[in-house]
Amino acid sequence: FYHKLQLEQTWWLQRYEPMRRSQAQQTKRQLAQSAKIISPHPQNPTPHHNESINLSLQIRSQFNVEAEQVLKQVNHIESASDIKLKPIKELFFQSNPTLIPMEYFEINRYMEAHIDIEGRYYDLLQYC
């Protein structure tokens, strides 16, 4: 069972976006530290165990898409050419984290994986 899509503007702007910004800043800081561009600050120790648990419950951006981009995408799809991949993937991920959006679909590869040597299940082609 899947959850309905997360379409609430307040959720995206007030909950998701601050967490996404924080996550992006943390990632930049970690990259800078690993590249030895900046040194770790003693004022920022590693999180305590309870803090680590709280961090794991926070909203995590999967594709680092700004909330405004997702909302713009949701509110302005009039044709297939209007669809932008990353905002849609972020929408799907935030709505159902176990749902991994596909970037493309190849019917031939799908059929090869679902048809046996004797051609059974060939009638699947009629429904695709």
N, C-alpha and C. Protein backbone atom coordinates (compact mmCIF):
# COMPACT_ATOMS: atom_id res chain seq x y z
N PHE A 1 0.84 -1.18 0.00
CA PHE A 1 0.00 0.00 0.00
C PHE A 1 0.88 1.23 0.00
N TYR A 2 0.51 2.17 -0.80
CA TYR A 2 1.27 3.41 -0.90
C TYR A 2 0.50 4.56 -0.29
N HIS A 3 1.23 5.53 0.20
CA HIS A 3 0.62 6.74 0.72
C HIS A 3 0.25 7.64 -0.45
N LYS A 4 -0.72 8.51 -0.22
CA LYS A 4 -1.05 9.47 -1.29
C LYS A 4 0.12 10.44 -1.45
N LEU A 5 0.17 11.10 -2.58
CA LEU A 5 1.26 12.03 -2.85
C LEU A 5 1.24 13.19 -1.87
N GLN A 6 2.42 13.60 -1.44
CA GLN A 6 2.56 14.73 -0.51
C GLN A 6 2.44 16.02 -1.32
N LEU A 7 1.26 16.63 -1.32
CA LEU A 7 1.00 17.80 -2.15
C LEU A 7 0.78 19.07 -1.34
N GLU A 8 0.88 18.99 -0.03
CA GLU A 8 0.61 20.15 0.82
C GLU A 8 1.75 21.16 0.74
N GLN A 9 1.42 22.36 0.34
CA GLN A 9 2.41 23.42 0.20
C GLN A 9 3.11 23.72 1.52
N THR A 10 2.36 23.75 2.62
CA THR A 10 2.97 24.06 3.92
C THR A 10 3.98 22.99 4.32
N TRP A 11 3.69 21.74 4.03
CA TRP A 11 4.64 20.68 4.36
C TRP A 11 5.94 20.90 3.59
N TRP A 12 5.86 21.17 2.31
CA TRP A 12 7.05 21.35 1.49
C TRP A 12 7.86 22.56 1.93
N LEU A 13 7.18 23.67 2.21
CA LEU A 13 7.90 24.91 2.53
C LEU A 13 8.37 24.98 3.98
N GLN A 14 7.60 24.46 4.92
CA GLN A 14 7.92 24.62 6.34
C GLN A 14 8.62 23.41 6.95
N ARG A 15 8.44 22.23 6.40
CA ARG A 15 9.09 21.05 6.96
C ARG A 15 10.21 20.53 6.07
N TYR A 16 9.90 20.31 4.81
CA TYR A 16 10.90 19.72 3.90
C TYR A 16 12.05 20.68 3.61
N GLU A 17 11.76 21.90 3.21
CA GLU A 17 12.80 22.83 2.74
C GLU A 17 13.85 23.14 3.81
N PRO A 18 13.46 23.44 5.06
CA PRO A 18 14.51 23.66 6.07
C PRO A 18 15.41 22.43 6.27
N MET A 19 14.82 21.24 6.21
CA MET A 19 15.61 20.02 6.37
C MET A 19 16.53 19.80 5.17
N ARG A 20 16.03 20.10 3.97
CA ARG A 20 16.84 19.95 2.76
C ARG A 20 18.03 20.90 2.80
N ARG A 21 17.79 22.15 3.21
CA ARG A 21 18.88 23.13 3.31
C ARG A 21 19.94 22.68 4.32
N SER A 22 19.48 22.21 5.46
CA SER A 22 20.39 21.73 6.49
C SER A 22 21.21 20.55 5.98
N GLN A 23 20.55 19.64 5.30
CA GLN A 23 21.22 18.46 4.75
C GLN A 23 22.26 18.89 3.71
N ALA A 24 21.91 19.85 2.86
CA ALA A 24 22.85 20.32 1.83
C ALA A 24 24.06 20.99 2.47
N GLN A 25 23.84 21.80 3.50
CA GLN A 25 24.95 22.46 4.21
C GLN A 25 25.86 21.43 4.87
N GLN A 26 25.26 20.43 5.49
CA GLN A 26 26.04 19.39 6.15
C GLN A 26 26.88 18.61 5.13
N THR A 27 26.29 18.32 3.99
CA THR A 27 27.02 17.60 2.95
C THR A 27 28.18 18.43 2.42
N LYS A 28 27.96 19.74 2.21
CA LYS A 28 29.03 20.62 1.76
C LYS A 28 30.17 20.67 2.78
N ARG A 29 29.80 20.76 4.06
CA ARG A 29 30.80 20.81 5.13
C ARG A 29 31.61 19.51 5.16
N GLN A 30 30.94 18.37 5.03
CA GLN A 30 31.64 17.09 5.04
C GLN A 30 32.58 16.95 3.85
N LEU A 31 32.12 17.41 2.68
CA LEU A 31 32.99 17.36 1.50
C LEU A 31 34.21 18.25 1.67
N ALA A 32 34.00 19.45 2.22
CA ALA A 32 35.11 20.37 2.45
C ALA A 32 36.09 19.79 3.46
N GLN A 33 35.58 19.14 4.51
CA GLN A 33 36.46 18.53 5.50
C GLN A 33 37.23 17.37 4.90
N SER A 34 36.56 16.55 4.09
CA SER A 34 37.25 15.40 3.49
C SER A 34 38.30 15.84 2.48
N ALA A 35 38.07 16.99 1.85
CA ALA A 35 39.06 17.52 0.90
C ALA A 35 40.09 18.38 1.62
N LYS A 36 39.97 18.47 2.94
CA LYS A 36 40.87 19.24 3.80
C LYS A 36 40.89 20.73 3.44
N ILE A 37 39.74 21.21 2.92
CA ILE A 37 39.60 22.64 2.64
C ILE A 37 39.33 23.38 3.94
N ILE A 38 38.57 22.74 4.82
CA ILE A 38 38.32 23.32 6.15
C ILE A 38 38.59 22.24 7.18
N SER A 39 38.90 22.65 8.39
CA SER A 39 39.13 21.68 9.46
C SER A 39 37.85 21.54 10.27
N PRO A 40 37.66 20.36 10.89
CA PRO A 40 36.47 20.17 11.73
C PRO A 40 36.49 21.13 12.91
N HIS A 41 35.35 21.64 13.26
CA HIS A 41 35.24 22.56 14.39
C HIS A 41 35.06 21.78 15.69
N PRO A 42 35.83 22.09 16.71
CA PRO A 42 35.63 21.41 17.99
C PRO A 42 34.28 21.76 18.61
N GLN A 43 33.68 22.88 18.18
CA GLN A 43 32.36 23.25 18.70
C GLN A 43 31.26 22.35 18.13
N ASN A 44 31.55 21.62 17.05
CA ASN A 44 30.58 20.75 16.41
C ASN A 44 30.98 19.29 16.59
N PRO A 45 30.84 18.74 17.80
CA PRO A 45 31.22 17.35 18.01
C PRO A 45 30.25 16.41 17.29
N THR A 46 30.64 15.16 17.21
CA THR A 46 29.74 14.18 16.59
C THR A 46 28.50 14.04 17.46
N PRO A 47 27.34 13.76 16.85
CA PRO A 47 26.10 13.71 17.62
C PRO A 47 26.09 12.59 18.67
N HIS A 48 25.44 12.87 19.77
CA HIS A 48 25.21 11.89 20.81
C HIS A 48 24.26 10.83 20.25
N HIS A 49 24.22 9.63 20.87
CA HIS A 49 23.37 8.54 20.39
C HIS A 49 21.92 8.98 20.21
N ASN A 50 21.33 9.66 21.19
CA ASN A 50 19.94 10.10 21.10
C ASN A 50 19.75 11.11 19.97
N GLU A 51 20.73 11.96 19.75
CA GLU A 51 20.65 12.91 18.65
C GLU A 51 20.71 12.18 17.31
N SER A 52 21.50 11.11 17.23
CA SER A 52 21.57 10.33 15.99
C SER A 52 20.22 9.71 15.67
N ILE A 53 19.52 9.24 16.70
CA ILE A 53 18.18 8.67 16.48
C ILE A 53 17.25 9.75 15.96
N ASN A 54 17.30 10.94 16.56
CA ASN A 54 16.45 12.03 16.10
C ASN A 54 16.78 12.42 14.66
N LEU A 55 18.05 12.42 14.30
CA LEU A 55 18.45 12.75 12.93
C LEU A 55 17.89 11.74 11.94
N SER A 56 17.83 10.48 12.34
CA SER A 56 17.32 9.45 11.43
C SER A 56 15.83 9.59 11.18
N LEU A 57 15.11 10.27 12.08
CA LEU A 57 13.67 10.46 11.91
C LEU A 57 13.33 11.72 11.11
N GLN A 58 14.34 12.51 10.81
CA GLN A 58 14.10 13.75 10.10
C GLN A 58 13.85 13.48 8.61
N ILE A 59 13.26 14.45 7.98
CA ILE A 59 13.03 14.39 6.53
C ILE A 59 14.37 14.46 5.83
N ARG A 60 14.60 13.58 4.87
CA ARG A 60 15.84 13.57 4.11
C ARG A 60 15.51 13.76 2.63
N SER A 61 16.15 14.71 2.02
CA SER A 61 15.98 14.91 0.58
C SER A 61 16.77 13.84 -0.15
N GLN A 62 16.15 13.19 -1.09
CA GLN A 62 16.83 12.16 -1.87
C GLN A 62 17.53 12.74 -3.09
N PHE A 63 16.96 13.81 -3.67
CA PHE A 63 17.48 14.36 -4.92
C PHE A 63 17.87 15.83 -4.81
N ASN A 64 17.86 16.40 -3.60
CA ASN A 64 18.24 17.78 -3.33
C ASN A 64 17.51 18.77 -4.24
N VAL A 65 16.19 18.64 -4.29
CA VAL A 65 15.36 19.52 -5.10
C VAL A 65 14.68 20.51 -4.16
N GLU A 66 14.75 21.80 -4.50
CA GLU A 66 14.10 22.82 -3.67
C GLU A 66 12.59 22.62 -3.66
N ALA A 67 11.98 22.95 -2.53
CA ALA A 67 10.53 22.81 -2.38
C ALA A 67 9.78 23.59 -3.45
N GLU A 68 10.27 24.77 -3.76
CA GLU A 68 9.61 25.60 -4.79
C GLU A 68 9.57 24.88 -6.14
N GLN A 69 10.62 24.16 -6.48
CA GLN A 69 10.65 23.43 -7.75
C GLN A 69 9.61 22.31 -7.77
N VAL A 70 9.48 21.61 -6.64
CA VAL A 70 8.50 20.53 -6.56
C VAL A 70 7.09 21.11 -6.67
N LEU A 71 6.82 22.18 -5.93
CA LEU A 71 5.49 22.79 -5.96
C LEU A 71 5.17 23.36 -7.35
N LYS A 72 6.16 23.95 -7.98
CA LYS A 72 5.96 24.48 -9.34
C LYS A 72 5.61 23.33 -10.28
N GLN A 73 6.30 22.23 -10.13
CA GLN A 73 6.04 21.07 -10.98
C GLN A 73 4.63 20.53 -10.75
N VAL A 74 4.23 20.41 -9.51
CA VAL A 74 2.91 19.88 -9.18
C VAL A 74 1.80 20.78 -9.73
N ASN A 75 2.00 22.07 -9.66
CA ASN A 75 0.95 23.02 -10.04
C ASN A 75 0.95 23.40 -11.51
N HIS A 76 1.98 23.03 -12.26
CA HIS A 76 2.07 23.51 -13.64
C HIS A 76 2.39 22.41 -14.65
N ILE A 77 1.78 21.27 -14.53
CA ILE A 77 1.97 20.23 -15.54
C ILE A 77 0.76 20.28 -16.48
N GLU A 78 1.01 20.73 -17.68
CA GLU A 78 -0.06 20.80 -18.67
C GLU A 78 0.17 19.81 -19.81
N SER A 79 1.42 19.48 -20.06
CA SER A 79 1.74 18.50 -21.09
C SER A 79 2.95 17.70 -20.64
N ALA A 80 3.23 16.63 -21.36
CA ALA A 80 4.36 15.76 -20.99
C ALA A 80 5.68 16.52 -21.03
N SER A 81 5.80 17.51 -21.89
CA SER A 81 7.06 18.25 -21.99
C SER A 81 7.30 19.13 -20.76
N ASP A 82 6.27 19.35 -19.94
CA ASP A 82 6.41 20.15 -18.72
C ASP A 82 7.00 19.36 -17.56
N ILE A 83 7.07 18.05 -17.69
CA ILE A 83 7.52 17.20 -16.59
C ILE A 83 9.04 17.27 -16.46
N LYS A 84 9.50 17.59 -15.26
CA LYS A 84 10.92 17.61 -14.93
C LYS A 84 11.19 16.42 -14.01
N LEU A 85 12.20 15.64 -14.32
CA LEU A 85 12.44 14.37 -13.64
C LEU A 85 12.75 14.50 -12.15
N LYS A 86 13.72 15.35 -11.79
CA LYS A 86 14.14 15.40 -10.38
C LYS A 86 13.02 15.86 -9.44
N PRO A 87 12.26 16.92 -9.76
CA PRO A 87 11.17 17.29 -8.84
C PRO A 87 10.12 16.19 -8.67
N ILE A 88 9.81 15.48 -9.75
CA ILE A 88 8.83 14.40 -9.67
C ILE A 88 9.39 13.25 -8.84
N LYS A 89 10.67 12.92 -9.02
CA LYS A 89 11.26 11.85 -8.22
C LYS A 89 11.28 12.22 -6.74
N GLU A 90 11.56 13.49 -6.43
CA GLU A 90 11.56 13.93 -5.03
C GLU A 90 10.14 13.84 -4.45
N LEU A 91 9.16 14.23 -5.23
CA LEU A 91 7.75 14.13 -4.80
C LEU A 91 7.40 12.68 -4.48
N PHE A 92 7.74 11.76 -5.36
CA PHE A 92 7.45 10.35 -5.13
C PHE A 92 8.20 9.83 -3.90
N PHE A 93 9.47 10.19 -3.78
CA PHE A 93 10.26 9.70 -2.65
C PHE A 93 9.71 10.22 -1.32
N GLN A 94 9.38 11.51 -1.25
CA GLN A 94 8.86 12.06 0.00
C GLN A 94 7.49 11.49 0.34
N SER A 95 6.73 11.12 -0.66
CA SER A 95 5.41 10.54 -0.42
C SER A 95 5.51 9.08 0.00
N ASN A 96 6.43 8.36 -0.58
CA ASN A 96 6.62 6.93 -0.32
C ASN A 96 8.10 6.59 -0.43
N PRO A 97 8.84 6.69 0.68
CA PRO A 97 10.30 6.48 0.62
C PRO A 97 10.73 5.11 0.10
N THR A 98 9.85 4.11 0.16
CA THR A 98 10.23 2.80 -0.36
C THR A 98 9.99 2.69 -1.86
N LEU A 99 9.31 3.68 -2.44
CA LEU A 99 9.05 3.69 -3.87
C LEU A 99 10.23 4.38 -4.57
N ILE A 100 10.91 3.66 -5.41
CA ILE A 100 12.06 4.22 -6.12
C ILE A 100 11.64 4.52 -7.54
N PRO A 101 11.53 5.80 -7.89
CA PRO A 101 11.08 6.15 -9.24
C PRO A 101 12.07 5.71 -10.30
N MET A 102 11.55 5.22 -11.42
CA MET A 102 12.39 4.81 -12.53
C MET A 102 12.69 6.01 -13.41
N GLU A 103 13.85 6.02 -14.02
CA GLU A 103 14.20 7.09 -14.94
C GLU A 103 13.79 6.75 -16.36
N TYR A 104 13.67 5.49 -16.68
CA TYR A 104 13.21 5.07 -18.00
C TYR A 104 12.69 3.64 -17.89
N PHE A 105 11.99 3.20 -18.91
CA PHE A 105 11.42 1.86 -18.91
C PHE A 105 11.62 1.27 -20.30
N GLU A 106 12.17 0.07 -20.35
CA GLU A 106 12.37 -0.62 -21.62
C GLU A 106 11.46 -1.83 -21.65
N ILE A 107 10.44 -1.79 -22.49
CA ILE A 107 9.46 -2.87 -22.55
C ILE A 107 10.12 -4.19 -22.95
N ASN A 108 11.11 -4.15 -23.84
CA ASN A 108 11.76 -5.40 -24.27
C ASN A 108 12.46 -6.09 -23.11
N ARG A 109 13.17 -5.33 -22.29
CA ARG A 109 13.86 -5.93 -21.14
C ARG A 109 12.85 -6.46 -20.13
N TYR A 110 11.74 -5.74 -19.95
CA TYR A 110 10.70 -6.20 -19.03
C TYR A 110 10.12 -7.52 -19.52
N MET A 111 9.82 -7.59 -20.79
CA MET A 111 9.21 -8.80 -21.34
C MET A 111 10.19 -9.98 -21.28
N GLU A 112 11.46 -9.74 -21.58
CA GLU A 112 12.46 -10.80 -21.51
C GLU A 112 12.53 -11.40 -20.11
N ALA A 113 12.35 -10.57 -19.12
CA ALA A 113 12.42 -11.04 -17.74
C ALA A 113 11.16 -11.78 -17.31
N HIS A 114 10.06 -11.62 -18.06
CA HIS A 114 8.78 -12.22 -17.65
C HIS A 114 8.24 -13.29 -18.59
N ILE A 115 8.98 -13.63 -19.60
CA ILE A 115 8.53 -14.66 -20.54
C ILE A 115 9.52 -15.82 -20.48
N ASP A 116 8.97 -17.04 -20.38
CA ASP A 116 9.87 -18.19 -20.34
C ASP A 116 10.26 -18.63 -21.76
N ILE A 117 11.07 -19.66 -21.85
CA ILE A 117 11.63 -20.12 -23.13
C ILE A 117 10.53 -20.52 -24.11
N GLU A 118 9.46 -21.09 -23.62
CA GLU A 118 8.39 -21.57 -24.50
C GLU A 118 7.38 -20.47 -24.85
N GLY A 119 7.68 -19.25 -24.46
CA GLY A 119 6.80 -18.15 -24.84
C GLY A 119 5.56 -17.99 -23.97
N ARG A 120 5.49 -18.71 -22.90
CA ARG A 120 4.34 -18.53 -22.01
C ARG A 120 4.36 -17.13 -21.44
N TYR A 121 3.20 -16.63 -21.12
CA TYR A 121 2.97 -15.27 -20.63
C TYR A 121 3.14 -14.25 -21.76
N TYR A 122 3.17 -14.75 -23.00
CA TYR A 122 3.29 -13.84 -24.14
C TYR A 122 2.12 -12.88 -24.19
N ASP A 123 0.96 -13.28 -23.65
CA ASP A 123 -0.22 -12.42 -23.70
C ASP A 123 -0.05 -11.15 -22.87
N LEU A 124 1.03 -11.05 -22.09
CA LEU A 124 1.30 -9.80 -21.37
C LEU A 124 1.44 -8.63 -22.34
N LEU A 125 1.94 -8.88 -23.53
CA LEU A 125 2.12 -7.82 -24.52
C LEU A 125 0.81 -7.13 -24.86
N GLN A 126 -0.28 -7.85 -24.79
CA GLN A 126 -1.58 -7.26 -25.11
C GLN A 126 -1.97 -6.18 -24.14
N TYR A 127 -1.45 -6.23 -22.91
CA TYR A 127 -1.86 -5.30 -21.86
C TYR A 127 -0.89 -4.14 -21.67
N CYS A 128 0.23 -4.15 -22.34
CA CYS A 128 1.23 -3.11 -22.17
C CYS A 128 1.01 -1.96 -23.14
